[in-house]
Protein backbone atom coordinates (compact mmCIF):
# COMPACT_ATOMS: atom_id res chain seq x y z
CA MET A 1 108.14 141.65 106.27
CA LYS A 2 106.74 143.27 109.41
CA LEU A 3 103.29 141.95 108.55
CA LEU A 4 104.50 138.36 108.06
CA ALA A 5 105.49 137.76 111.69
CA PRO A 6 102.08 138.69 113.20
CA LEU A 7 100.36 136.72 110.44
CA ALA A 8 102.45 133.64 111.26
CA LEU A 9 101.58 133.95 114.94
CA VAL A 10 97.89 134.05 114.06
CA CYS A 11 98.05 131.08 111.67
CA LEU A 12 100.16 128.82 113.90
CA PRO A 13 97.44 128.11 116.51
CA LEU A 14 94.94 127.47 113.72
CA TYR A 15 97.31 124.94 112.14
CA LEU A 16 97.93 123.20 115.42
CA PHE A 17 94.21 123.08 116.16
CA ALA A 18 93.49 121.58 112.74
CA HIS A 19 96.21 118.93 113.15
CA PRO A 20 95.93 117.63 116.72
CA SER A 21 98.66 115.12 117.49
CA THR A 22 98.97 113.65 120.97
CA PRO A 23 100.80 110.31 120.97
CA VAL A 24 99.35 107.48 123.04
CA HIS A 25 101.47 106.76 126.11
CA PHE A 26 102.71 103.16 126.12
CA ILE A 27 103.90 101.96 129.53
CA GLU A 28 107.59 101.19 129.82
CA GLY A 29 107.45 97.84 131.59
CA ASN A 30 106.45 94.21 131.30
CA LEU A 31 103.04 92.57 131.29
CA ALA A 32 103.15 91.67 134.99
CA GLN A 33 103.69 95.32 135.92
CA VAL A 34 100.84 96.43 133.67
CA GLN A 35 98.52 93.81 135.19
CA GLN A 36 99.34 94.98 138.71
CA LEU A 37 98.78 98.62 137.76
CA ALA A 38 95.48 97.80 136.01
CA ALA A 39 94.21 95.89 139.06
CA ARG A 40 95.21 98.74 141.38
CA GLU A 41 93.62 101.48 139.23
CA GLY A 42 90.64 99.43 138.02
CA LYS A 43 91.48 100.11 134.37
CA LEU A 44 91.35 97.97 131.27
CA TYR A 45 94.56 97.41 129.36
CA PHE A 46 95.58 96.27 125.91
CA ILE A 47 98.68 94.81 124.26
CA HIS A 48 99.68 96.21 120.88
CA PHE A 49 101.69 93.54 119.03
CA ALA A 50 104.00 95.18 116.50
CA ALA A 51 107.45 95.14 114.90
CA ASP A 52 109.73 97.90 113.67
CA TRP A 53 109.97 96.30 110.21
CA CYS A 54 106.19 95.94 109.75
CA MET A 55 104.81 98.78 107.61
CA THR A 56 101.23 98.32 108.86
CA SER A 57 102.47 98.54 112.46
CA GLN A 58 104.34 101.74 111.61
CA TRP A 59 101.22 103.11 109.94
CA MET A 60 99.15 102.45 113.07
CA GLU A 61 101.71 104.11 115.32
CA GLU A 62 102.10 107.16 113.07
CA HIS A 63 98.38 107.70 112.31
CA ALA A 64 96.10 105.97 114.83
CA PHE A 65 98.16 106.27 118.01
CA THR A 66 98.85 109.99 117.44
CA ASP A 67 95.16 110.92 117.37
CA ALA A 68 94.25 113.38 120.14
CA SER A 69 90.75 111.96 120.79
CA LEU A 70 92.03 108.39 121.04
CA SER A 71 94.93 109.43 123.25
CA ALA A 72 92.67 111.38 125.64
CA TYR A 73 90.25 108.46 125.97
CA LEU A 74 93.02 105.95 126.61
CA GLU A 75 94.59 108.22 129.21
CA GLU A 76 91.40 108.01 131.27
CA HIS A 77 90.25 104.43 130.69
CA TYR A 78 93.14 102.24 129.52
CA LEU A 79 96.72 101.20 130.08
CA ALA A 80 98.67 100.43 126.90
CA LEU A 81 101.59 98.04 126.40
CA ARG A 82 103.55 97.63 123.16
CA ALA A 83 104.91 94.12 122.53
CA ASP A 84 107.76 94.06 120.01
CA VAL A 85 107.67 90.52 118.59
CA ASP A 86 111.38 90.71 117.74
CA LEU A 87 112.31 91.02 121.43
CA PRO A 88 112.28 88.01 123.79
CA GLU A 89 109.31 89.11 125.93
CA GLY A 90 107.23 90.18 122.93
CA ARG A 91 108.05 86.94 121.14
CA ALA A 92 106.93 84.96 124.20
CA LEU A 93 103.64 86.88 124.42
CA LYS A 94 103.08 86.36 120.69
CA GLY A 95 103.37 82.60 121.19
CA GLN A 96 101.32 82.58 124.39
CA TYR A 97 98.35 84.38 122.79
CA GLU A 98 98.81 82.77 119.34
CA VAL A 99 99.20 86.06 117.50
CA SER A 100 99.75 85.49 113.77
CA ILE A 101 98.92 88.90 112.25
CA LEU A 102 100.67 92.23 112.79
CA PRO A 103 99.52 94.57 114.07
CA SER A 104 97.18 92.90 116.58
CA ILE A 105 95.53 94.41 119.66
CA LEU A 106 94.37 92.23 122.56
CA VAL A 107 92.07 93.87 125.13
CA PHE A 108 91.96 92.72 128.78
CA SER A 109 89.82 93.51 131.81
CA SER A 110 91.33 94.91 134.99
CA ARG A 111 91.43 91.29 136.25
CA GLY A 112 93.55 90.18 133.30
CA GLN A 113 90.77 88.39 131.40
CA LEU A 114 90.99 88.50 127.60
CA LEU A 115 87.96 90.44 126.31
CA GLY A 116 88.68 90.92 122.62
CA ARG A 117 91.14 90.48 119.79
CA HIS A 118 91.49 92.85 116.82
CA GLU A 119 93.82 92.02 113.93
CA GLY A 120 95.11 94.35 111.22
CA ALA A 121 95.54 98.11 110.96
CA MET A 122 92.65 100.41 111.93
CA GLU A 123 91.81 104.09 111.69
CA PRO A 124 91.79 105.89 115.09
CA GLU A 125 88.00 106.30 114.96
CA GLU A 126 87.48 102.58 114.37
CA LEU A 127 89.89 101.61 117.15
CA LEU A 128 88.26 104.08 119.55
CA ALA A 129 84.81 102.62 118.83
CA HIS A 130 86.07 99.09 119.56
CA LEU A 131 87.76 100.13 122.82
CA LYS A 132 84.68 102.01 124.06
CA ARG A 133 82.65 98.80 123.81
CA TYR A 134 84.79 97.25 126.55
CA SER A 135 84.53 100.24 128.93
CA ARG A 136 81.17 99.23 130.40
CA PRO A 137 81.64 98.60 134.14
CA ALA A 138 80.69 94.91 133.96
CA LEU A 139 83.11 94.22 131.12
CA ALA A 140 85.90 96.36 132.52
CA SER A 141 85.91 94.29 135.71
CA GLY A 142 85.43 91.00 133.86
CA ALA A 143 82.04 90.28 135.45
CA LEU A 144 80.29 89.16 132.25
CA GLU A 145 81.72 85.71 131.56
CA GLU A 146 79.92 85.31 128.22
CA ASN A 147 81.90 88.24 126.77
CA ILE A 148 85.30 86.89 127.80
CA LEU A 149 87.39 85.07 125.22
CA SER A 150 89.17 81.89 126.19
CA SER A 151 92.76 82.61 127.12
CA PRO A 152 95.44 80.15 126.03
CA ARG A 153 96.16 77.44 128.58
CA PRO A 154 99.47 75.67 129.11
CA VAL A 155 99.89 72.30 127.42
CA PHE A 156 101.07 69.41 129.59
CA ALA A 157 102.79 66.36 128.13
CA LEU A 158 102.23 63.10 130.03
CA SER A 159 104.76 60.28 129.83
CA ARG A 160 104.91 56.74 131.24
CA PRO A 161 107.57 54.01 131.16
CA ALA A 162 107.46 51.50 128.34
CA LEU A 163 105.39 48.38 129.05
CA ILE A 164 107.44 45.22 129.67
CA PRO A 165 105.90 42.01 128.22
CA ASP A 166 105.43 39.02 130.56
CA VAL A 167 106.95 36.60 128.03
CA GLN A 168 110.14 37.29 126.17
CA ALA A 169 109.19 37.95 122.58
CA ARG A 170 110.88 35.80 119.96
CA PRO A 171 111.55 36.90 116.41
CA VAL A 172 109.45 35.06 113.83
CA ALA A 173 110.92 34.28 110.45
CA LEU A 174 108.62 35.50 107.70
CA PRO A 175 108.69 34.15 104.15
CA PRO A 176 110.28 36.52 101.67
CA SER A 177 107.72 38.84 100.18
CA ARG A 178 107.49 39.69 96.53
CA PRO A 179 106.95 43.25 95.42
CA ALA A 180 103.38 43.88 94.41
CA VAL A 181 102.92 44.69 90.74
CA SER A 182 99.99 46.93 89.91
CA ILE A 183 98.45 46.13 86.52
CA PRO A 184 95.96 48.74 85.35
CA PRO A 185 92.69 47.33 83.97
CA ALA A 186 91.91 47.50 80.28
CA GLY A 187 90.81 50.91 79.16
CA TYR A 188 92.56 52.59 82.10
CA SER A 189 93.91 56.03 81.39
CA THR A 190 96.37 58.01 83.47
CA PRO A 191 94.56 60.77 85.40
CA PRO A 192 95.46 64.31 84.40
CA GLN A 193 98.27 65.87 86.39
CA PRO A 194 97.15 68.53 88.89
CA LEU A 195 97.88 72.13 88.02
CA GLN A 196 101.05 73.48 89.50
CA PRO A 197 100.35 76.05 92.22
CA LYS A 198 101.28 79.67 91.83
CA PHE A 199 102.76 81.77 94.60
CA THR A 200 102.28 85.29 95.91
CA ILE A 201 103.61 87.44 98.77
CA GLN A 202 101.26 88.58 101.53
CA VAL A 203 102.47 91.94 102.83
CA GLY A 204 99.64 93.13 105.06
CA VAL A 205 96.18 92.58 106.56
CA PHE A 206 93.68 95.39 107.20
CA SER A 207 90.22 95.66 108.69
CA SER A 208 89.52 98.79 106.59
CA TYR A 209 89.30 98.59 102.80
CA SER A 210 90.37 102.23 102.38
CA ASN A 211 93.47 101.60 104.48
CA ALA A 212 94.33 98.56 102.35
CA VAL A 213 93.98 100.59 99.15
CA ARG A 214 96.20 103.38 100.49
CA PHE A 215 98.80 100.82 101.54
CA CYS A 216 98.69 99.30 98.03
CA ALA A 217 99.29 102.69 96.45
CA ALA A 218 102.32 103.31 98.68
CA LEU A 219 103.68 99.82 98.01
CA GLU A 220 103.36 100.02 94.23
CA ALA A 221 105.87 102.87 94.26
CA LYS A 222 108.45 100.48 95.74
CA ALA A 223 107.68 97.24 93.92
CA ALA A 224 107.69 96.33 90.24
CA HIS A 225 104.90 93.75 90.67
CA ARG A 226 101.15 94.07 90.73
CA VAL A 227 99.62 94.68 94.17
CA GLU A 228 96.01 93.70 94.88
CA VAL A 229 93.52 93.57 97.76
CA ALA A 230 91.92 90.19 98.60
CA PRO A 231 88.88 90.30 100.94
CA PHE A 232 88.14 87.48 103.40
CA GLN A 233 86.09 86.85 106.54
CA LEU A 234 87.58 86.45 110.01
CA ASN A 235 85.22 85.74 112.93
CA GLY A 236 82.36 87.32 110.96
CA GLN A 237 84.33 90.50 110.24
CA SER A 238 85.44 91.63 106.77
CA MET A 239 89.23 91.74 106.45
CA TYR A 240 91.49 92.58 103.52
CA LYS A 241 94.80 90.95 102.58
CA VAL A 242 97.33 92.84 100.50
CA LEU A 243 99.03 90.49 98.00
CA LEU A 244 102.00 91.29 95.79
CA GLY A 245 102.77 89.52 92.50
CA GLN A 246 102.12 86.10 90.97
CA PHE A 247 105.05 83.71 90.67
CA GLU A 248 105.34 80.35 88.92
CA ARG A 249 108.06 79.17 91.30
CA GLN A 250 108.34 79.52 95.05
CA GLU A 251 112.03 80.39 94.71
CA ALA A 252 111.18 83.41 92.54
CA ALA A 253 108.69 84.66 95.14
CA ALA A 254 111.28 84.18 97.91
CA ALA A 255 113.85 86.17 95.92
CA CYS A 256 111.35 89.00 95.45
CA LEU A 257 110.57 88.95 99.18
CA GLU A 258 114.27 89.41 99.98
CA GLY A 259 114.28 92.49 97.78
CA LEU A 260 111.24 93.85 99.60
CA ARG A 261 112.86 93.28 102.98
CA ALA A 262 115.81 95.36 101.84
CA GLN A 263 113.26 98.19 101.45
CA LYS A 264 111.83 97.58 104.95
CA VAL A 265 108.74 95.77 103.61
CA GLU A 266 107.99 92.51 105.42
CA GLY A 267 105.74 89.65 104.33
CA PHE A 268 105.67 85.93 103.62
CA VAL A 269 105.33 83.66 100.59
CA LYS A 270 102.09 81.70 100.24
CA ILE A 271 100.27 79.62 97.63
CA LEU A 272 97.92 81.77 95.59
CA ASP A 273 94.29 80.81 96.20
CA ASN A 274 92.41 79.74 93.08
């Protein structure tokens, strides 16, 4: 027993060194405060759109945002803001920047110009590589206009009073119309009925195939339906949807989704692509 205590003291630093975990510091405040701080310090900033019920958001926060290398780099070069889309301010930002996938990260210059948008979960190394691309002095200050994405602009609705005719319009009596009868030509055959669509549940989007596969493996332990990865292209980048089940009726898919939500798995029902 006397040898165990010194041995534990020797092994503990080795374990801690092998498993560095330094959480990223997200600023407690609103976007206006972050913008003021970024302008004052000359730093870039990003908004991490997430939700407590979203498994891919939780995965990012437990794996990517606890990486020591990523945390150290962000501490020096970035300000970070977490936008919970279930809260009023996060919901407003989600609508303002047209965010449709969780998690999403939007990167801004110190002047508040939108530089980049990254959708889906990422490994810390992949996220760090993306963020380093924006740290060049010209980009960080927003000096290179060709690298700046268009930010959403407010929509204005114009209205004018109804036009008043010069002459009072009079109703015109029209002769009674007869319903048109369509007579198919000889040899006409009724076209085949289209196939009924099938439905599935989309439960996640990833930019890394390995992350999507790991998420599928974890999800299959909770669900009784088949889980598969569907690749697609988004702005020239390979992305991977995670789809659960095939359902003949939309109601059946919706009922399955309710069961998933009871297990803290969020998603939405969609028509299965042929």
